[in-house]
Amino acid sequence: MMQAATYAAAALVFAIGLYGVISNHDMIKICVSLSVMESSLVLVLVALAFREGGAAPIMDTDAVRYVDPLPHALSLTAIVIGAGIISLALGLTVMVYRQYGTTDIRRVFGSLR
C-alpha cells in the first residue's frame, strides 16, 4: 500500500513537471520543470528499494530481510546526471539570452525566420 501511494505521488510529480515543460515558453521555467521531472524518477527509485521490516545490508545484524542498495546508488547517479544536465541547459539559456536578449522560446524562434 505504501509503495502504491509513492508511485502515485511520483506519477503526479512527473505530470506536474511535464505540464510545466509543455505549457511554458520561458527557458528557465522549462529547466525547473525538467528538474521536477527528474525528482520523480528519484522518488520511484527510492520506492523500489523500500522493504517492510528491511535492514541495511550489513552482515553483523540479525535481520532476515535486507534492503537492496542498488536503487539508492542509481538514485544518487540520477541526481548527479540530472544536475549536470540542468546546469548545461541553464548555461545554454544564458547563451541564448546574451544572443537574443530574451529567454522566451517563441521570440527566439520567431527571430530565426
PDB file of N, CA and C in Angstrom:
ATOM      1  N   MET A   1       0.827  -1.201   0.000  1.00  0.00           N
ATOM      2  CA  MET A   1       0.000   0.000   0.000  1.00  0.00           C
ATOM      3  C   MET A   1       0.867   1.259   0.000  1.00  0.00           C
ATOM      4  N   MET A   2       1.923   1.225   0.802  1.00  0.00           N
ATOM      5  CA  MET A   2       2.802   2.391   0.888  1.00  0.00           C
ATOM      6  C   MET A   2       3.504   2.652  -0.439  1.00  0.00           C
ATOM      7  N   GLN A   3       3.932   1.582  -1.103  1.00  0.00           N
ATOM      8  CA  GLN A   3       4.622   1.763  -2.379  1.00  0.00           C
ATOM      9  C   GLN A   3       3.665   2.264  -3.456  1.00  0.00           C
ATOM     10  N   ALA A   4       2.425   1.811  -3.423  1.00  0.00           N
ATOM     11  CA  ALA A   4       1.451   2.273  -4.417  1.00  0.00           C
ATOM     12  C   ALA A   4       1.206   3.774  -4.267  1.00  0.00           C
ATOM     13  N   ALA A   5       1.138   4.244  -3.039  1.00  0.00           N
ATOM     14  CA  ALA A   5       0.961   5.680  -2.815  1.00  0.00           C
ATOM     15  C   ALA A   5       2.196   6.459  -3.273  1.00  0.00           C
ATOM     16  N   THR A   6       3.369   5.884  -3.064  1.00  0.00           N
ATOM     17  CA  THR A   6       4.593   6.548  -3.502  1.00  0.00           C
ATOM     18  C   THR A   6       4.663   6.612  -5.017  1.00  0.00           C
ATOM     19  N   TYR A   7       4.270   5.522  -5.691  1.00  0.00           N
ATOM     20  CA  TYR A   7       4.257   5.530  -7.152  1.00  0.00           C
ATOM     21  C   TYR A   7       3.243   6.543  -7.687  1.00  0.00           C
ATOM     22  N   ALA A   8       2.097   6.643  -7.022  1.00  0.00           N
ATOM     23  CA  ALA A   8       1.091   7.619  -7.438  1.00  0.00           C
ATOM     24  C   ALA A   8       1.617   9.044  -7.243  1.00  0.00           C
ATOM     25  N   ALA A   9       2.307   9.277  -6.127  1.00  0.00           N
ATOM     26  CA  ALA A   9       2.892  10.605  -5.891  1.00  0.00           C
ATOM     27  C   ALA A   9       3.965  10.911  -6.927  1.00  0.00           C
ATOM     28  N   ALA A  10       4.771   9.916  -7.280  1.00  0.00           N
ATOM     29  CA  ALA A  10       5.810  10.117  -8.296  1.00  0.00           C
ATOM     30  C   ALA A  10       5.178  10.413  -9.654  1.00  0.00           C
ATOM     31  N   ALA A  11       4.095   9.720  -9.976  1.00  0.00           N
ATOM     32  CA  ALA A  11       3.399   9.990 -11.243  1.00  0.00           C
ATOM     33  C   ALA A  11       2.817  11.400 -11.253  1.00  0.00           C
ATOM     34  N   LEU A  12       2.295  11.840 -10.113  1.00  0.00           N
ATOM     35  CA  LEU A  12       1.751  13.193 -10.019  1.00  0.00           C
ATOM     36  C   LEU A  12       2.850  14.240 -10.168  1.00  0.00           C
ATOM     37  N   VAL A  13       3.995  14.020  -9.521  1.00  0.00           N
ATOM     38  CA  VAL A  13       5.113  14.957  -9.630  1.00  0.00           C
ATOM     39  C   VAL A  13       5.628  14.994 -11.067  1.00  0.00           C
ATOM     40  N   PHE A  14       5.706  13.822 -11.711  1.00  0.00           N
ATOM     41  CA  PHE A  14       6.134  13.778 -13.108  1.00  0.00           C
ATOM     42  C   PHE A  14       5.148  14.519 -14.004  1.00  0.00           C
ATOM     43  N   ALA A  15       3.849  14.343 -13.753  1.00  0.00           N
ATOM     44  CA  ALA A  15       2.833  15.023 -14.562  1.00  0.00           C
ATOM     45  C   ALA A  15       2.904  16.534 -14.376  1.00  0.00           C
ATOM     46  N   ILE A  16       3.178  16.983 -13.160  1.00  0.00           N
ATOM     47  CA  ILE A  16       3.327  18.420 -12.918  1.00  0.00           C
ATOM     48  C   ILE A  16       4.527  18.963 -13.689  1.00  0.00           C
ATOM     49  N   GLY A  17       5.637  18.235 -13.652  1.00  0.00           N
ATOM     50  CA  GLY A  17       6.812  18.665 -14.405  1.00  0.00           C
ATOM     51  C   GLY A  17       6.572  18.659 -15.906  1.00  0.00           C
ATOM     52  N   LEU A  18       5.892  17.628 -16.399  1.00  0.00           N
ATOM     53  CA  LEU A  18       5.585  17.549 -17.828  1.00  0.00           C
ATOM     54  C   LEU A  18       4.666  18.691 -18.258  1.00  0.00           C
ATOM     55  N   TYR A  19       3.696  19.015 -17.419  1.00  0.00           N
ATOM     56  CA  TYR A  19       2.823  20.152 -17.719  1.00  0.00           C
ATOM     57  C   TYR A  19       3.632  21.447 -17.783  1.00  0.00           C
ATOM     58  N   GLY A  20       4.589  21.587 -16.875  1.00  0.00           N
ATOM     59  CA  GLY A  20       5.437  22.779 -16.891  1.00  0.00           C
ATOM     60  C   GLY A  20       6.280  22.868 -18.141  1.00  0.00           C
ATOM     61  N   VAL A  21       6.783  21.738 -18.613  1.00  0.00           N
ATOM     62  CA  VAL A  21       7.585  21.741 -19.844  1.00  0.00           C
ATOM     63  C   VAL A  21       6.731  22.092 -21.047  1.00  0.00           C
ATOM     64  N   ILE A  22       5.532  21.544 -21.097  1.00  0.00           N
ATOM     65  CA  ILE A  22       4.673  21.755 -22.259  1.00  0.00           C
ATOM     66  C   ILE A  22       4.055  23.157 -22.271  1.00  0.00           C
ATOM     67  N   SER A  23       3.660  23.662 -21.112  1.00  0.00           N
ATOM     68  CA  SER A  23       2.888  24.912 -21.081  1.00  0.00           C
ATOM     69  C   SER A  23       3.738  26.171 -21.032  1.00  0.00           C
ATOM     70  N   ASN A  24       5.003  26.085 -20.632  1.00  0.00           N
ATOM     71  CA  ASN A  24       5.822  27.290 -20.500  1.00  0.00           C
ATOM     72  C   ASN A  24       6.587  27.583 -21.782  1.00  0.00           C
ATOM     73  N   HIS A  25       6.837  28.877 -21.987  1.00  0.00           N
ATOM     74  CA  HIS A  25       7.640  29.319 -23.124  1.00  0.00           C
ATOM     75  C   HIS A  25       8.964  29.913 -22.666  1.00  0.00           C
ATOM     76  N   ASP A  26       9.139  30.046 -21.351  1.00  0.00           N
ATOM     77  CA  ASP A  26      10.369  30.589 -20.797  1.00  0.00           C
ATOM     78  C   ASP A  26      11.348  29.444 -20.557  1.00  0.00           C
ATOM     79  N   MET A  27      12.572  29.612 -21.023  1.00  0.00           N
ATOM     80  CA  MET A  27      13.553  28.529 -20.959  1.00  0.00           C
ATOM     81  C   MET A  27      13.960  28.192 -19.530  1.00  0.00           C
ATOM     82  N   ILE A  28      13.988  29.166 -18.652  1.00  0.00           N
ATOM     83  CA  ILE A  28      14.344  28.902 -17.257  1.00  0.00           C
ATOM     84  C   ILE A  28      13.252  28.087 -16.575  1.00  0.00           C
ATOM     85  N   LYS A  29      12.006  28.412 -16.834  1.00  0.00           N
ATOM     86  CA  LYS A  29      10.899  27.642 -16.255  1.00  0.00           C
ATOM     87  C   LYS A  29      10.883  26.220 -16.802  1.00  0.00           C
ATOM     88  N   ILE A  30      11.260  26.050 -18.034  1.00  0.00           N
ATOM     89  CA  ILE A  30      11.346  24.703 -18.609  1.00  0.00           C
ATOM     90  C   ILE A  30      12.450  23.910 -17.915  1.00  0.00           C
ATOM     91  N   CYS A  31      13.566  24.547 -17.631  1.00  0.00           N
ATOM     92  CA  CYS A  31      14.657  23.865 -16.911  1.00  0.00           C
ATOM     93  C   CYS A  31      14.219  23.451 -15.511  1.00  0.00           C
ATOM     94  N   VAL A  32      13.484  24.305 -14.824  1.00  0.00           N
ATOM     95  CA  VAL A  32      12.975  23.961 -13.491  1.00  0.00           C
ATOM     96  C   VAL A  32      11.985  22.796 -13.594  1.00  0.00           C
ATOM     97  N   SER A  33      11.151  22.799 -14.610  1.00  0.00           N
ATOM     98  CA  SER A  33      10.185  21.712 -14.798  1.00  0.00           C
ATOM     99  C   SER A  33      10.888  20.394 -15.101  1.00  0.00           C
ATOM    100  N   LEU A  34      11.974  20.450 -15.861  1.00  0.00           N
ATOM    101  CA  LEU A  34      12.762  19.242 -16.104  1.00  0.00           C
ATOM    102  C   LEU A  34      13.372  18.713 -14.817  1.00  0.00           C
ATOM    103  N   SER A  35      13.779  19.605 -13.940  1.00  0.00           N
ATOM    104  CA  SER A  35      14.321  19.198 -12.651  1.00  0.00           C
ATOM    105  C   SER A  35      13.243  18.542 -11.788  1.00  0.00           C
ATOM    106  N   VAL A  36      12.023  19.032 -11.861  1.00  0.00           N
ATOM    107  CA  VAL A  36      10.915  18.420 -11.127  1.00  0.00           C
ATOM    108  C   VAL A  36      10.643  17.015 -11.667  1.00  0.00           C
ATOM    109  N   MET A  37      10.700  16.854 -12.984  1.00  0.00           N
ATOM    110  CA  MET A  37      10.506  15.527 -13.570  1.00  0.00           C
ATOM    111  C   MET A  37      11.608  14.569 -13.124  1.00  0.00           C
ATOM    112  N   GLU A  38      12.828  15.061 -13.015  1.00  0.00           N
ATOM    113  CA  GLU A  38      13.940  14.230 -12.561  1.00  0.00           C
ATOM    114  C   GLU A  38      13.748  13.826 -11.107  1.00  0.00           C
ATOM    115  N   SER A  39      13.150  14.683 -10.307  1.00  0.00           N
ATOM    116  CA  SER A  39      12.886  14.351  -8.901  1.00  0.00           C
ATOM    117  C   SER A  39      11.893  13.198  -8.780  1.00  0.00           C
ATOM    118  N   SER A  40      10.958  13.107  -9.705  1.00  0.00           N
ATOM    119  CA  SER A  40      10.006  11.997  -9.656  1.00  0.00           C
ATOM    120  C   SER A  40      10.693  10.662  -9.937  1.00  0.00           C
ATOM    121  N   LEU A  41      11.715  10.682 -10.775  1.00  0.00           N
ATOM    122  CA  LEU A  41      12.481   9.467 -11.028  1.00  0.00           C
ATOM    123  C   LEU A  41      13.197   9.008  -9.768  1.00  0.00           C
ATOM    124  N   VAL A  42      13.783   9.940  -9.042  1.00  0.00           N
ATOM    125  CA  VAL A  42      14.468   9.596  -7.792  1.00  0.00           C
ATOM    126  C   VAL A  42      13.470   9.042  -6.778  1.00  0.00           C
ATOM    127  N   LEU A  43      12.274   9.603  -6.750  1.00  0.00           N
ATOM    128  CA  LEU A  43      11.234   9.109  -5.845  1.00  0.00           C
ATOM    129  C   LEU A  43      10.855   7.671  -6.171  1.00  0.00           C
ATOM    130  N   VAL A  44      10.763   7.335  -7.442  1.00  0.00           N
ATOM    131  CA  VAL A  44      10.463   5.950  -7.848  1.00  0.00           C
ATOM    132  C   VAL A  44      11.598   5.007  -7.449  1.00  0.00           C
ATOM    133  N   LEU A  45      12.830   5.427  -7.652  1.00  0.00           N
ATOM    134  CA  LEU A  45      13.961   4.569  -7.294  1.00  0.00           C
ATOM    135  C   LEU A  45      14.033   4.322  -5.795  1.00  0.00           C
ATOM    136  N   VAL A  46      13.736   5.316  -4.995  1.00  0.00           N
ATOM    137  CA  VAL A  46      13.723   5.126  -3.548  1.00  0.00           C
ATOM    138  C   VAL A  46      12.565   4.217  -3.144  1.00  0.00           C
ATOM    139  N   ALA A  47      11.428   4.337  -3.809  1.00  0.00           N
ATOM    140  CA  ALA A  47      10.296   3.465  -3.506  1.00  0.00           C
ATOM    141  C   ALA A  47      10.591   2.018  -3.877  1.00  0.00           C
ATOM    142  N   LEU A  48      11.368   1.809  -4.933  1.00  0.00           N
ATOM    143  CA  LEU A  48      11.736   0.448  -5.310  1.00  0.00           C
ATOM    144  C   LEU A  48      12.599  -0.228  -4.245  1.00  0.00           C
ATOM    145  N   ALA A  49      13.384   0.555  -3.528  1.00  0.00           N
ATOM    146  CA  ALA A  49      14.294  -0.010  -2.541  1.00  0.00           C
ATOM    147  C   ALA A  49      13.611  -0.303  -1.208  1.00  0.00           C
ATOM    148  N   PHE A  50      12.423   0.214  -0.983  1.00  0.00           N
ATOM    149  CA  PHE A  50      11.761   0.049   0.316  1.00  0.00           C
ATOM    150  C   PHE A  50      11.311  -1.392   0.531  1.00  0.00           C
ATOM    151  N   ARG A  51      11.622  -1.922   1.686  1.00  0.00           N
ATOM    152  CA  ARG A  51      11.141  -3.236   2.109  1.00  0.00           C
ATOM    153  C   ARG A  51      10.637  -3.108   3.538  1.00  0.00           C
ATOM    154  N   GLU A  52       9.434  -3.576   3.797  1.00  0.00           N
ATOM    155  CA  GLU A  52       8.858  -3.525   5.131  1.00  0.00           C
ATOM    156  C   GLU A  52       9.676  -4.415   6.059  1.00  0.00           C
ATOM    157  N   GLY A  53      10.190  -3.834   7.122  1.00  0.00           N
ATOM    158  CA  GLY A  53      10.991  -4.589   8.078  1.00  0.00           C
ATOM    159  C   GLY A  53      12.404  -4.868   7.607  1.00  0.00           C
ATOM    160  N   GLY A  54      12.813  -4.242   6.524  1.00  0.00           N
ATOM    161  CA  GLY A  54      14.152  -4.472   5.985  1.00  0.00           C
ATOM    162  C   GLY A  54      15.208  -3.709   6.761  1.00  0.00           C
ATOM    163  N   ALA A  55      16.415  -4.213   6.694  1.00  0.00           N
ATOM    164  CA  ALA A  55      17.544  -3.582   7.384  1.00  0.00           C
ATOM    165  C   ALA A  55      18.636  -3.285   6.369  1.00  0.00           C
ATOM    166  N   ALA A  56      19.605  -2.489   6.792  1.00  0.00           N
ATOM    167  CA  ALA A  56      20.741  -2.189   5.934  1.00  0.00           C
ATOM    168  C   ALA A  56      21.542  -3.463   5.695  1.00  0.00           C
ATOM    169  N   PRO A  57      22.106  -3.629   4.513  1.00  0.00           N
ATOM    170  CA  PRO A  57      22.833  -4.873   4.198  1.00  0.00           C
ATOM    171  C   PRO A  57      24.214  -4.927   4.847  1.00  0.00           C
ATOM    172  N   ILE A  58      24.232  -4.900   6.154  1.00  0.00           N
ATOM    173  CA  ILE A  58      25.472  -5.035   6.924  1.00  0.00           C
ATOM    174  C   ILE A  58      25.403  -6.391   7.605  1.00  0.00           C
ATOM    175  N   MET A  59      26.424  -7.173   7.483  1.00  0.00           N
ATOM    176  CA  MET A  59      26.359  -8.573   7.895  1.00  0.00           C
ATOM    177  C   MET A  59      26.418  -8.800   9.406  1.00  0.00           C
ATOM    178  N   ASP A  60      26.623  -7.782  10.218  1.00  0.00           N
ATOM    179  CA  ASP A  60      26.688  -8.026  11.655  1.00  0.00           C
ATOM    180  C   ASP A  60      25.333  -7.855  12.347  1.00  0.00           C
ATOM    181  N   THR A  61      24.247  -7.742  11.582  1.00  0.00           N
ATOM    182  CA  THR A  61      22.912  -7.681  12.168  1.00  0.00           C
ATOM    183  C   THR A  61      22.218  -9.016  11.951  1.00  0.00           C
ATOM    184  N   ASP A  62      21.170  -9.245  12.704  1.00  0.00           N
ATOM    185  CA  ASP A  62      20.403 -10.490  12.593  1.00  0.00           C
ATOM    186  C   ASP A  62      19.120 -10.295  11.802  1.00  0.00           C
ATOM    187  N   ALA A  63      19.108  -9.391  10.880  1.00  0.00           N
ATOM    188  CA  ALA A  63      17.919  -9.111  10.084  1.00  0.00           C
ATOM    189  C   ALA A  63      17.665 -10.237   9.092  1.00  0.00           C
ATOM    190  N   VAL A  64      16.412 -10.516   8.877  1.00  0.00           N
ATOM    191  CA  VAL A  64      16.027 -11.560   7.933  1.00  0.00           C
ATOM    192  C   VAL A  64      15.942 -10.989   6.521  1.00  0.00           C
ATOM    193  N   ARG A  65      15.456  -9.759   6.406  1.00  0.00           N
ATOM    194  CA  ARG A  65      15.293  -9.124   5.107  1.00  0.00           C
ATOM    195  C   ARG A  65      16.237  -7.939   5.010  1.00  0.00           C
ATOM    196  N   TYR A  66      16.852  -7.818   3.865  1.00  0.00           N
ATOM    197  CA  TYR A  66      17.766  -6.714   3.624  1.00  0.00           C
ATOM    198  C   TYR A  66      17.203  -5.792   2.557  1.00  0.00           C
ATOM    199  N   VAL A  67      17.549  -4.535   2.653  1.00  0.00           N
ATOM    200  CA  VAL A  67      17.163  -3.544   1.655  1.00  0.00           C
ATOM    201  C   VAL A  67      18.211  -3.566   0.555  1.00  0.00           C
ATOM    202  N   ASP A  68      17.751  -3.582  -0.689  1.00  0.00           N
ATOM    203  CA  ASP A  68      18.659  -3.594  -1.830  1.00  0.00           C
ATOM    204  C   ASP A  68      19.322  -2.224  -1.980  1.00  0.00           C
ATOM    205  N   PRO A  69      20.650  -2.150  -1.928  1.00  0.00           N
ATOM    206  CA  PRO A  69      21.307  -0.837  -2.034  1.00  0.00           C
ATOM    207  C   PRO A  69      21.446  -0.322  -3.462  1.00  0.00           C
ATOM    208  N   LEU A  70      21.191  -1.149  -4.472  1.00  0.00           N
ATOM    209  CA  LEU A  70      21.364  -0.723  -5.858  1.00  0.00           C
ATOM    210  C   LEU A  70      20.460   0.445  -6.254  1.00  0.00           C
ATOM    211  N   PRO A  71      19.160   0.450  -5.905  1.00  0.00           N
ATOM    212  CA  PRO A  71      18.352   1.624  -6.260  1.00  0.00           C
ATOM    213  C   PRO A  71      18.836   2.915  -5.609  1.00  0.00           C
ATOM    214  N   HIS A  72      19.414   2.817  -4.417  1.00  0.00           N
ATOM    215  CA  HIS A  72      19.958   4.020  -3.783  1.00  0.00           C
ATOM    216  C   HIS A  72      21.154   4.540  -4.573  1.00  0.00           C
ATOM    217  N   ALA A  73      22.000   3.634  -5.017  1.00  0.00           N
ATOM    218  CA  ALA A  73      23.150   4.048  -5.829  1.00  0.00           C
ATOM    219  C   ALA A  73      22.682   4.634  -7.163  1.00  0.00           C
ATOM    220  N   LEU A  74      21.663   4.046  -7.760  1.00  0.00           N
ATOM    221  CA  LEU A  74      21.126   4.575  -9.010  1.00  0.00           C
ATOM    222  C   LEU A  74      20.481   5.946  -8.814  1.00  0.00           C
ATOM    223  N   SER A  75      19.837   6.148  -7.663  1.00  0.00           N
ATOM    224  CA  SER A  75      19.226   7.451  -7.416  1.00  0.00           C
ATOM    225  C   SER A  75      20.294   8.529  -7.237  1.00  0.00           C
ATOM    226  N   LEU A  76      21.393   8.193  -6.564  1.00  0.00           N
ATOM    227  CA  LEU A  76      22.489   9.163  -6.460  1.00  0.00           C
ATOM    228  C   LEU A  76      23.077   9.478  -7.828  1.00  0.00           C
ATOM    229  N   THR A  77      23.210   8.456  -8.658  1.00  0.00           N
ATOM    230  CA  THR A  77      23.704   8.669 -10.009  1.00  0.00           C
ATOM    231  C   THR A  77      22.740   9.537 -10.811  1.00  0.00           C
ATOM    232  N   ALA A  78      21.451   9.292 -10.657  1.00  0.00           N
ATOM    233  CA  ALA A  78      20.446  10.093 -11.366  1.00  0.00           C
ATOM    234  C   ALA A  78      20.472  11.549 -10.913  1.00  0.00           C
ATOM    235  N   ILE A  79      20.719  11.776  -9.636  1.00  0.00           N
ATOM    236  CA  ILE A  79      20.796  13.146  -9.123  1.00  0.00           C
ATOM    237  C   ILE A  79      21.989  13.874  -9.736  1.00  0.00           C
ATOM    238  N   VAL A  80      23.134  13.194  -9.793  1.00  0.00           N
ATOM    239  CA  VAL A  80      24.337  13.819 -10.340  1.00  0.00           C
ATOM    240  C   VAL A  80      24.168  14.095 -11.835  1.00  0.00           C
ATOM    241  N   ILE A  81      23.644  13.140 -12.572  1.00  0.00           N
ATOM    242  CA  ILE A  81      23.435  13.330 -14.003  1.00  0.00           C
ATOM    243  C   ILE A  81      22.398  14.429 -14.246  1.00  0.00           C
ATOM    244  N   GLY A  82      21.334  14.446 -13.437  1.00  0.00           N
ATOM    245  CA  GLY A  82      20.321  15.489 -13.573  1.00  0.00           C
ATOM    246  C   GLY A  82      20.878  16.874 -13.296  1.00  0.00           C
ATOM    247  N   ALA A  83      21.750  16.977 -12.298  1.00  0.00           N
ATOM    248  CA  ALA A  83      22.371  18.282 -12.004  1.00  0.00           C
ATOM    249  C   ALA A  83      23.250  18.730 -13.168  1.00  0.00           C
ATOM    250  N   GLY A  84      23.961  17.789 -13.777  1.00  0.00           N
ATOM    251  CA  GLY A  84      24.788  18.136 -14.934  1.00  0.00           C
ATOM    252  C   GLY A  84      23.951  18.584 -16.121  1.00  0.00           C
ATOM    253  N   ILE A  85      22.866  17.896 -16.367  1.00  0.00           N
ATOM    254  CA  ILE A  85      22.006  18.251 -17.494  1.00  0.00           C
ATOM    255  C   ILE A  85      21.350  19.611 -17.273  1.00  0.00           C
ATOM    256  N   ILE A  86      20.871  19.848 -16.059  1.00  0.00           N
ATOM    257  CA  ILE A  86      20.231  21.130 -15.765  1.00  0.00           C
ATOM    258  C   ILE A  86      21.239  22.277 -15.844  1.00  0.00           C
ATOM    259  N   SER A  87      22.465  22.040 -15.364  1.00  0.00           N
ATOM    260  CA  SER A  87      23.470  23.108 -15.457  1.00  0.00           C
ATOM    261  C   SER A  87      23.828  23.392 -16.911  1.00  0.00           C
ATOM    262  N   LEU A  88      23.902  22.359 -17.745  1.00  0.00           N
ATOM    263  CA  LEU A  88      24.150  22.569 -19.169  1.00  0.00           C
ATOM    264  C   LEU A  88      22.997  23.332 -19.814  1.00  0.00           C
ATOM    265  N   ALA A  89      21.770  22.958 -19.480  1.00  0.00           N
ATOM    266  CA  ALA A  89      20.605  23.650 -20.048  1.00  0.00           C
ATOM    267  C   ALA A  89      20.551  25.109 -19.607  1.00  0.00           C
ATOM    268  N   LEU A  90      20.876  25.369 -18.349  1.00  0.00           N
ATOM    269  CA  LEU A  90      20.878  26.758 -17.886  1.00  0.00           C
ATOM    270  C   LEU A  90      22.023  27.549 -18.521  1.00  0.00           C
ATOM    271  N   GLY A  91      23.155  26.886 -18.746  1.00  0.00           N
ATOM    272  CA  GLY A  91      24.254  27.556 -19.459  1.00  0.00           C
ATOM    273  C   GLY A  91      23.865  27.921 -20.876  1.00  0.00           C
ATOM    274  N   LEU A  92      23.179  27.016 -21.547  1.00  0.00           N
ATOM    275  CA  LEU A  92      22.691  27.322 -22.898  1.00  0.00           C
ATOM    276  C   LEU A  92      21.644  28.428 -22.870  1.00  0.00           C
ATOM    277  N   THR A  93      20.839  28.455 -21.810  1.00  0.00           N
ATOM    278  CA  THR A  93      19.846  29.521 -21.663  1.00  0.00           C
ATOM    279  C   THR A  93      20.529  30.880 -21.527  1.00  0.00           C
ATOM    280  N   VAL A  94      21.614  30.922 -20.759  1.00  0.00           N
ATOM    281  CA  VAL A  94      22.365  32.175 -20.621  1.00  0.00           C
ATOM    282  C   VAL A  94      22.936  32.604 -21.968  1.00  0.00           C
ATOM    283  N   MET A  95      23.450  31.660 -22.741  1.00  0.00           N
ATOM    284  CA  MET A  95      23.992  31.991 -24.058  1.00  0.00           C
ATOM    285  C   MET A  95      22.909  32.506 -24.999  1.00  0.00           C
ATOM    286  N   VAL A  96      21.731  31.887 -24.955  1.00  0.00           N
ATOM    287  CA  VAL A  96      20.612  32.352 -25.783  1.00  0.00           C
ATOM    288  C   VAL A  96      20.186  33.743 -25.340  1.00  0.00           C
ATOM    289  N   TYR A  97      20.165  33.994 -24.036  1.00  0.00           N
ATOM    290  CA  TYR A  97      19.783  35.324 -23.551  1.00  0.00           C
ATOM    291  C   TYR A  97      20.780  36.385 -24.006  1.00  0.00           C
ATOM    292  N   ARG A  98      22.057  36.059 -23.967  1.00  0.00           N
ATOM    293  CA  ARG A  98      23.065  37.028 -24.421  1.00  0.00           C
ATOM    294  C   ARG A  98      22.946  37.305 -25.921  1.00  0.00           C
ATOM    295  N   GLN A  99      22.569  36.288 -26.676  1.00  0.00           N
ATOM    296  CA  GLN A  99      22.473  36.447 -28.136  1.00  0.00           C
ATOM    297  C   GLN A  99      21.197  37.172 -28.548  1.00  0.00           C
ATOM    298  N   TYR A 100      20.055  36.793 -27.942  1.00  0.00           N
ATOM    299  CA  TYR A 100      18.764  37.312 -28.401  1.00  0.00           C
ATOM    300  C   TYR A 100      18.107  38.294 -27.439  1.00  0.00           C
ATOM    301  N   GLY A 101      18.616  38.393 -26.199  1.00  0.00           N
ATOM    302  CA  GLY A 101      18.043  39.316 -25.236  1.00  0.00           C
ATOM    303  C   GLY A 101      16.759  38.843 -24.589  1.00  0.00           C
ATOM    304  N   THR A 102      16.411  37.576 -24.742  1.00  0.00           N
ATOM    305  CA  THR A 102      15.202  37.024 -24.152  1.00  0.00           C
ATOM    306  C   THR A 102      15.387  35.529 -23.910  1.00  0.00           C
ATOM    307  N   THR A 103      14.581  34.992 -22.994  1.00  0.00           N
ATOM    308  CA  THR A 103      14.564  33.543 -22.791  1.00  0.00           C
ATOM    309  C   THR A 103      13.227  32.944 -23.239  1.00  0.00           C
ATOM    310  N   ASP A 104      12.424  33.733 -23.917  1.00  0.00           N
ATOM    311  CA  ASP A 104      11.148  33.259 -24.446  1.00  0.00           C
ATOM    312  C   ASP A 104      11.403  32.505 -25.748  1.00  0.00           C
ATOM    313  N   ILE A 105      11.008  31.262 -25.789  1.00  0.00           N
ATOM    314  CA  ILE A 105      11.271  30.413 -26.955  1.00  0.00           C
ATOM    315  C   ILE A 105      10.556  30.944 -28.196  1.00  0.00           C
ATOM    316  N   ARG A 106       9.354  31.472 -28.023  1.00  0.00           N
ATOM    317  CA  ARG A 106       8.624  31.972 -29.196  1.00  0.00           C
ATOM    318  C   ARG A 106       9.336  33.128 -29.838  1.00  0.00           C
ATOM    319  N   ARG A 107       9.913  34.016 -29.035  1.00  0.00           N
ATOM    320  CA  ARG A 107      10.623  35.170 -29.604  1.00  0.00           C
ATOM    321  C   ARG A 107      11.958  34.757 -30.216  1.00  0.00           C
ATOM    322  N   VAL A 108      12.613  33.747 -29.603  1.00  0.00           N
ATOM    323  CA  VAL A 108      13.896  33.286 -30.150  1.00  0.00           C
ATOM    324  C   VAL A 108      13.669  32.626 -31.504  1.00  0.00           C
ATOM    325  N   PHE A 109      12.715  31.705 -31.583  1.00  0.00           N
ATOM    326  CA  PHE A 109      12.467  31.021 -32.843  1.00  0.00           C
ATOM    327  C   PHE A 109      11.794  31.935 -33.849  1.00  0.00           C
ATOM    328  N   GLY A 110      11.085  32.949 -33.377  1.00  0.00           N
ATOM    329  CA  GLY A 110      10.489  33.918 -34.289  1.00  0.00           C
ATOM    330  C   GLY A 110      11.541  34.774 -34.966  1.00  0.00           C
ATOM    331  N   SER A 111      12.660  35.010 -34.280  1.00  0.00           N
ATOM    332  CA  SER A 111      13.723  35.827 -34.865  1.00  0.00           C
ATOM    333  C   SER A 111      14.599  35.013 -35.802  1.00  0.00           C
ATOM    334  N   LEU A 112      14.456  33.717 -35.811  1.00  0.00           N
ATOM    335  CA  LEU A 112      15.251  32.875 -36.710  1.00  0.00           C
ATOM    336  C   LEU A 112      14.672  32.803 -38.104  1.00  0.00           C
ATOM    337  N   ARG A 113      13.449  33.236 -38.294  1.00  0.00           N
ATOM    338  CA  ARG A 113      12.793  33.148 -39.613  1.00  0.00           C
ATOM    339  C   ARG A 113      13.261  34.206 -40.535  1.00  0.00           C
TER     340      ARG A 113
END
